[in-house]
Amino acid sequence: NRLQPKMSPSAISGPAHLFRLAGKCFS
């Protein structure tokens, strides 16, 4: 009954300076 993702996230890509946002969450 908990949140069940259908797939795993894609690999981190794009501008390297945005990688620091990985692992954080914003509400």
PDB file of all heavy atoms in Angstrom:
ATOM      1  N   ASN A   1       0.803  -1.215   0.000  1.00  0.00           N
ATOM      2  CA  ASN A   1       0.000   0.000   0.000  1.00  0.00           C
ATOM      3  C   ASN A   1       0.842   1.274   0.000  1.00  0.00           C
ATOM      4  O   ASN A   1       0.307   2.364  -0.067  1.00  0.00           O
ATOM      5  CB  ASN A   1      -0.925   0.022   1.222  1.00  0.00           C
ATOM      6  CG  ASN A   1      -2.097  -0.929   1.058  1.00  0.00           C
ATOM      7  OD1 ASN A   1      -2.405  -1.344  -0.048  1.00  0.00           O
ATOM      8  ND2 ASN A   1      -2.724  -1.291   2.165  1.00  0.00           N
ATOM      9  N   ARG A   2       2.149   1.131   0.127  1.00  0.00           N
ATOM     10  CA  ARG A   2       2.995   2.324   0.137  1.00  0.00           C
ATOM     11  C   ARG A   2       3.300   2.771  -1.285  1.00  0.00           C
ATOM     12  O   ARG A   2       2.971   2.084  -2.248  1.00  0.00           O
ATOM     13  CB  ARG A   2       4.298   2.019   0.887  1.00  0.00           C
ATOM     14  CG  ARG A   2       4.053   1.589   2.335  1.00  0.00           C
ATOM     15  CD  ARG A   2       5.347   1.450   3.085  1.00  0.00           C
ATOM     16  NE  ARG A   2       5.126   0.889   4.411  1.00  0.00           N
ATOM     17  CZ  ARG A   2       6.074   0.709   5.301  1.00  0.00           C
ATOM     18  NH1 ARG A   2       7.320   1.056   5.020  1.00  0.00           N
ATOM     19  NH2 ARG A   2       5.805   0.196   6.482  1.00  0.00           N
ATOM     20  N   LEU A   3       3.953   3.906  -1.432  1.00  0.00           N
ATOM     21  CA  LEU A   3       4.277   4.412  -2.767  1.00  0.00           C
ATOM     22  C   LEU A   3       5.174   3.417  -3.496  1.00  0.00           C
ATOM     23  O   LEU A   3       6.238   3.054  -2.996  1.00  0.00           O
ATOM     24  CB  LEU A   3       4.986   5.772  -2.651  1.00  0.00           C
ATOM     25  CG  LEU A   3       4.153   6.911  -2.071  1.00  0.00           C
ATOM     26  CD1 LEU A   3       4.960   8.193  -2.069  1.00  0.00           C
ATOM     27  CD2 LEU A   3       2.873   7.102  -2.853  1.00  0.00           C
ATOM     28  N   GLN A   4       4.727   2.996  -4.650  1.00  0.00           N
ATOM     29  CA  GLN A   4       5.465   1.999  -5.416  1.00  0.00           C
ATOM     30  C   GLN A   4       5.854   2.572  -6.775  1.00  0.00           C
ATOM     31  O   GLN A   4       5.011   2.688  -7.663  1.00  0.00           O
ATOM     32  CB  GLN A   4       4.610   0.744  -5.607  1.00  0.00           C
ATOM     33  CG  GLN A   4       4.368  -0.049  -4.333  1.00  0.00           C
ATOM     34  CD  GLN A   4       5.639  -0.705  -3.820  1.00  0.00           C
ATOM     35  OE1 GLN A   4       6.357  -1.356  -4.560  1.00  0.00           O
ATOM     36  NE2 GLN A   4       5.919  -0.511  -2.552  1.00  0.00           N
ATOM     37  N   PRO A   5       7.111   2.963  -6.970  1.00  0.00           N
ATOM     38  CA  PRO A   5       7.529   3.482  -8.277  1.00  0.00           C
ATOM     39  C   PRO A   5       7.520   2.390  -9.337  1.00  0.00           C
ATOM     40  O   PRO A   5       7.828   1.232  -9.051  1.00  0.00           O
ATOM     41  CB  PRO A   5       8.953   3.995  -8.018  1.00  0.00           C
ATOM     42  CG  PRO A   5       9.430   3.210  -6.839  1.00  0.00           C
ATOM     43  CD  PRO A   5       8.213   2.952  -5.998  1.00  0.00           C
ATOM     44  N   LYS A   6       7.161   2.763 -10.564  1.00  0.00           N
ATOM     45  CA  LYS A   6       7.111   1.799 -11.660  1.00  0.00           C
ATOM     46  C   LYS A   6       8.490   1.515 -12.233  1.00  0.00           C
ATOM     47  O   LYS A   6       8.694   0.503 -12.896  1.00  0.00           O
ATOM     48  CB  LYS A   6       6.214   2.332 -12.786  1.00  0.00           C
ATOM     49  CG  LYS A   6       4.761   2.515 -12.388  1.00  0.00           C
ATOM     50  CD  LYS A   6       3.974   3.072 -13.561  1.00  0.00           C
ATOM     51  CE  LYS A   6       2.518   3.299 -13.196  1.00  0.00           C
ATOM     52  NZ  LYS A   6       1.749   3.879 -14.330  1.00  0.00           N
ATOM     53  N   MET A   7       9.418   2.414 -12.011  1.00  0.00           N
ATOM     54  CA  MET A   7      10.743   2.283 -12.589  1.00  0.00           C
ATOM     55  C   MET A   7      11.754   3.022 -11.732  1.00  0.00           C
ATOM     56  O   MET A   7      11.388   3.812 -10.857  1.00  0.00           O
ATOM     57  CB  MET A   7      10.761   2.856 -14.016  1.00  0.00           C
ATOM     58  CG  MET A   7      10.277   4.299 -14.086  1.00  0.00           C
ATOM     59  SD  MET A   7      10.330   5.028 -15.728  1.00  0.00           S
ATOM     60  CE  MET A   7      12.073   5.392 -15.863  1.00  0.00           C
ATOM     61  N   SER A   8      13.025   2.773 -11.977  1.00  0.00           N
ATOM     62  CA  SER A   8      14.088   3.502 -11.284  1.00  0.00           C
ATOM     63  C   SER A   8      14.366   4.804 -12.029  1.00  0.00           C
ATOM     64  O   SER A   8      14.160   4.891 -13.240  1.00  0.00           O
ATOM     65  CB  SER A   8      15.362   2.658 -11.230  1.00  0.00           C
ATOM     66  OG  SER A   8      15.135   1.461 -10.507  1.00  0.00           O
ATOM     67  N   PRO A   9      14.843   5.840 -11.329  1.00  0.00           N
ATOM     68  CA  PRO A   9      15.172   7.100 -12.014  1.00  0.00           C
ATOM     69  C   PRO A   9      16.303   6.905 -13.023  1.00  0.00           C
ATOM     70  O   PRO A   9      17.139   6.016 -12.869  1.00  0.00           O
ATOM     71  CB  PRO A   9      15.614   8.015 -10.859  1.00  0.00           C
ATOM     72  CG  PRO A   9      15.096   7.376  -9.623  1.00  0.00           C
ATOM     73  CD  PRO A   9      15.070   5.915  -9.879  1.00  0.00           C
ATOM     74  N   SER A  10      16.322   7.726 -14.046  1.00  0.00           N
ATOM     75  CA  SER A  10      17.421   7.708 -15.009  1.00  0.00           C
ATOM     76  C   SER A  10      18.688   8.193 -14.322  1.00  0.00           C
ATOM     77  O   SER A  10      18.645   8.771 -13.233  1.00  0.00           O
ATOM     78  CB  SER A  10      17.097   8.616 -16.198  1.00  0.00           C
ATOM     79  OG  SER A  10      15.956   8.161 -16.891  1.00  0.00           O
ATOM     80  N   ALA A  11      19.811   7.974 -14.972  1.00  0.00           N
ATOM     81  CA  ALA A  11      21.084   8.446 -14.419  1.00  0.00           C
ATOM     82  C   ALA A  11      21.109   9.976 -14.417  1.00  0.00           C
ATOM     83  O   ALA A  11      20.472  10.624 -15.255  1.00  0.00           O
ATOM     84  CB  ALA A  11      22.241   7.888 -15.242  1.00  0.00           C
ATOM     85  N   ILE A  12      21.849  10.544 -13.486  1.00  0.00           N
ATOM     86  CA  ILE A  12      21.990  12.000 -13.423  1.00  0.00           C
ATOM     87  C   ILE A  12      22.727  12.481 -14.671  1.00  0.00           C
ATOM     88  O   ILE A  12      23.748  11.917 -15.059  1.00  0.00           O
ATOM     89  CB  ILE A  12      22.759  12.420 -12.159  1.00  0.00           C
ATOM     90  CG1 ILE A  12      21.988  11.991 -10.913  1.00  0.00           C
ATOM     91  CG2 ILE A  12      22.999  13.922 -12.132  1.00  0.00           C
ATOM     92  CD1 ILE A  12      22.720  12.266  -9.607  1.00  0.00           C
ATOM     93  N   SER A  13      22.205  13.514 -15.302  1.00  0.00           N
ATOM     94  CA  SER A  13      22.823  14.039 -16.528  1.00  0.00           C
ATOM     95  C   SER A  13      22.562  15.532 -16.624  1.00  0.00           C
ATOM     96  O   SER A  13      21.844  16.110 -15.816  1.00  0.00           O
ATOM     97  CB  SER A  13      22.246  13.321 -17.755  1.00  0.00           C
ATOM     98  OG  SER A  13      20.855  13.573 -17.875  1.00  0.00           O
ATOM     99  N   GLY A  14      23.165  16.146 -17.645  1.00  0.00           N
ATOM    100  CA  GLY A  14      22.968  17.579 -17.839  1.00  0.00           C
ATOM    101  C   GLY A  14      24.117  18.403 -17.297  1.00  0.00           C
ATOM    102  O   GLY A  14      25.222  17.900 -17.090  1.00  0.00           O
ATOM    103  N   PRO A  15      23.867  19.687 -17.019  1.00  0.00           N
ATOM    104  CA  PRO A  15      24.923  20.564 -16.494  1.00  0.00           C
ATOM    105  C   PRO A  15      25.473  20.064 -15.157  1.00  0.00           C
ATOM    106  O   PRO A  15      24.712  19.786 -14.235  1.00  0.00           O
ATOM    107  CB  PRO A  15      24.203  21.913 -16.317  1.00  0.00           C
ATOM    108  CG  PRO A  15      23.032  21.843 -17.246  1.00  0.00           C
ATOM    109  CD  PRO A  15      22.619  20.408 -17.249  1.00  0.00           C
ATOM    110  N   ALA A  16      26.787  19.963 -15.049  1.00  0.00           N
ATOM    111  CA  ALA A  16      27.425  19.413 -13.847  1.00  0.00           C
ATOM    112  C   ALA A  16      27.118  20.235 -12.593  1.00  0.00           C
ATOM    113  O   ALA A  16      27.041  19.686 -11.488  1.00  0.00           O
ATOM    114  CB  ALA A  16      28.930  19.306 -14.059  1.00  0.00           C
ATOM    115  N   HIS A  17      26.935  21.545 -12.749  1.00  0.00           N
ATOM    116  CA  HIS A  17      26.708  22.377 -11.562  1.00  0.00           C
ATOM    117  C   HIS A  17      25.329  22.134 -10.939  1.00  0.00           C
ATOM    118  O   HIS A  17      25.062  22.590  -9.829  1.00  0.00           O
ATOM    119  CB  HIS A  17      26.875  23.862 -11.899  1.00  0.00           C
ATOM    120  CG  HIS A  17      25.994  24.345 -13.014  1.00  0.00           C
ATOM    121  ND1 HIS A  17      26.330  24.216 -14.338  1.00  0.00           N
ATOM    122  CD2 HIS A  17      24.787  24.965 -12.992  1.00  0.00           C
ATOM    123  CE1 HIS A  17      25.383  24.729 -15.094  1.00  0.00           C
ATOM    124  NE2 HIS A  17      24.428  25.187 -14.303  1.00  0.00           N
ATOM    125  N   LEU A  18      24.440  21.406 -11.667  1.00  0.00           N
ATOM    126  CA  LEU A  18      23.130  21.082 -11.098  1.00  0.00           C
ATOM    127  C   LEU A  18      23.149  19.769 -10.322  1.00  0.00           C
ATOM    128  O   LEU A  18      22.198  19.452  -9.618  1.00  0.00           O
ATOM    129  CB  LEU A  18      22.081  20.990 -12.217  1.00  0.00           C
ATOM    130  CG  LEU A  18      21.774  22.272 -12.991  1.00  0.00           C
ATOM    131  CD1 LEU A  18      20.696  22.013 -14.030  1.00  0.00           C
ATOM    132  CD2 LEU A  18      21.334  23.397 -12.052  1.00  0.00           C
ATOM    133  N   PHE A  19      24.243  19.019 -10.448  1.00  0.00           N
ATOM    134  CA  PHE A  19      24.322  17.719  -9.778  1.00  0.00           C
ATOM    135  C   PHE A  19      24.237  17.848  -8.261  1.00  0.00           C
ATOM    136  O   PHE A  19      23.846  16.914  -7.574  1.00  0.00           O
ATOM    137  CB  PHE A  19      25.621  16.988 -10.154  1.00  0.00           C
ATOM    138  CG  PHE A  19      25.705  16.593 -11.601  1.00  0.00           C
ATOM    139  CD1 PHE A  19      26.845  15.986 -12.106  1.00  0.00           C
ATOM    140  CD2 PHE A  19      24.647  16.840 -12.478  1.00  0.00           C
ATOM    141  CE1 PHE A  19      26.932  15.620 -13.439  1.00  0.00           C
ATOM    142  CE2 PHE A  19      24.726  16.481 -13.824  1.00  0.00           C
ATOM    143  CZ  PHE A  19      25.870  15.862 -14.295  1.00  0.00           C
ATOM    144  N   ARG A  20      24.604  19.021  -7.734  1.00  0.00           N
ATOM    145  CA  ARG A  20      24.586  19.217  -6.282  1.00  0.00           C
ATOM    146  C   ARG A  20      23.153  19.207  -5.727  1.00  0.00           C
ATOM    147  O   ARG A  20      22.953  19.098  -4.513  1.00  0.00           O
ATOM    148  CB  ARG A  20      25.270  20.532  -5.923  1.00  0.00           C
ATOM    149  CG  ARG A  20      24.529  21.795  -6.355  1.00  0.00           C
ATOM    150  CD  ARG A  20      25.344  23.058  -6.171  1.00  0.00           C
ATOM    151  NE  ARG A  20      26.440  23.127  -7.131  1.00  0.00           N
ATOM    152  CZ  ARG A  20      27.289  24.146  -7.201  1.00  0.00           C
ATOM    153  NH1 ARG A  20      27.174  25.154  -6.351  1.00  0.00           N
ATOM    154  NH2 ARG A  20      28.248  24.154  -8.113  1.00  0.00           N
ATOM    155  N   LEU A  21      22.153  19.317  -6.623  1.00  0.00           N
ATOM    156  CA  LEU A  21      20.759  19.266  -6.173  1.00  0.00           C
ATOM    157  C   LEU A  21      20.290  17.835  -5.923  1.00  0.00           C
ATOM    158  O   LEU A  21      19.277  17.617  -5.263  1.00  0.00           O
ATOM    159  CB  LEU A  21      19.845  19.907  -7.235  1.00  0.00           C
ATOM    160  CG  LEU A  21      20.042  21.403  -7.498  1.00  0.00           C
ATOM    161  CD1 LEU A  21      19.151  21.857  -8.649  1.00  0.00           C
ATOM    162  CD2 LEU A  21      19.753  22.218  -6.240  1.00  0.00           C
ATOM    163  N   ALA A  22      21.029  16.865  -6.467  1.00  0.00           N
ATOM    164  CA  ALA A  22      20.660  15.463  -6.282  1.00  0.00           C
ATOM    165  C   ALA A  22      20.713  15.091  -4.802  1.00  0.00           C
ATOM    166  O   ALA A  22      21.614  15.502  -4.073  1.00  0.00           O
ATOM    167  CB  ALA A  22      21.586  14.563  -7.090  1.00  0.00           C
ATOM    168  N   GLY A  23      19.731  14.338  -4.353  1.00  0.00           N
ATOM    169  CA  GLY A  23      19.684  13.927  -2.950  1.00  0.00           C
ATOM    170  C   GLY A  23      18.943  14.908  -2.054  1.00  0.00           C
ATOM    171  O   GLY A  23      18.776  14.650  -0.861  1.00  0.00           O
ATOM    172  N   LYS A  24      18.495  16.032  -2.619  1.00  0.00           N
ATOM    173  CA  LYS A  24      17.737  17.016  -1.852  1.00  0.00           C
ATOM    174  C   LYS A  24      16.288  17.039  -2.339  1.00  0.00           C
ATOM    175  O   LYS A  24      16.006  16.660  -3.475  1.00  0.00           O
ATOM    176  CB  LYS A  24      18.355  18.407  -1.998  1.00  0.00           C
ATOM    177  CG  LYS A  24      19.799  18.501  -1.512  1.00  0.00           C
ATOM    178  CD  LYS A  24      20.351  19.897  -1.728  1.00  0.00           C
ATOM    179  CE  LYS A  24      21.803  19.989  -1.268  1.00  0.00           C
ATOM    180  NZ  LYS A  24      22.376  21.337  -1.486  1.00  0.00           N
ATOM    181  N   CYS A  25      15.382  17.512  -1.488  1.00  0.00           N
ATOM    182  CA  CYS A  25      13.972  17.622  -1.852  1.00  0.00           C
ATOM    183  C   CYS A  25      13.436  18.987  -1.444  1.00  0.00           C
ATOM    184  O   CYS A  25      13.855  19.545  -0.422  1.00  0.00           O
ATOM    185  CB  CYS A  25      13.148  16.518  -1.193  1.00  0.00           C
ATOM    186  SG  CYS A  25      13.527  14.853  -1.794  1.00  0.00           S
ATOM    187  N   PHE A  26      12.512  19.512  -2.246  1.00  0.00           N
ATOM    188  CA  PHE A  26      11.941  20.837  -1.998  1.00  0.00           C
ATOM    189  C   PHE A  26      10.420  20.725  -2.069  1.00  0.00           C
ATOM    190  O   PHE A  26       9.870  20.102  -2.975  1.00  0.00           O
ATOM    191  CB  PHE A  26      12.459  21.828  -3.040  1.00  0.00           C
ATOM    192  CG  PHE A  26      13.963  21.871  -3.131  1.00  0.00           C
ATOM    193  CD1 PHE A  26      14.641  21.006  -3.980  1.00  0.00           C
ATOM    194  CD2 PHE A  26      14.704  22.748  -2.349  1.00  0.00           C
ATOM    195  CE1 PHE A  26      16.027  21.021  -4.070  1.00  0.00           C
ATOM    196  CE2 PHE A  26      16.088  22.770  -2.421  1.00  0.00           C
ATOM    197  CZ  PHE A  26      16.749  21.899  -3.282  1.00  0.00           C
ATOM    198  N   SER A  27       9.733  21.327  -1.088  1.00  0.00           N
ATOM    199  CA  SER A  27       8.282  21.184  -0.995  1.00  0.00           C
ATOM    200  C   SER A  27       7.551  22.489  -1.268  1.00  0.00           C
ATOM    201  O   SER A  27       8.114  23.581  -1.149  1.00  0.00           O
ATOM    202  CB  SER A  27       7.892  20.653   0.385  1.00  0.00           C
ATOM    203  OG  SER A  27       8.315  21.556   1.399  1.00  0.00           O
TER     204      SER A  27
END
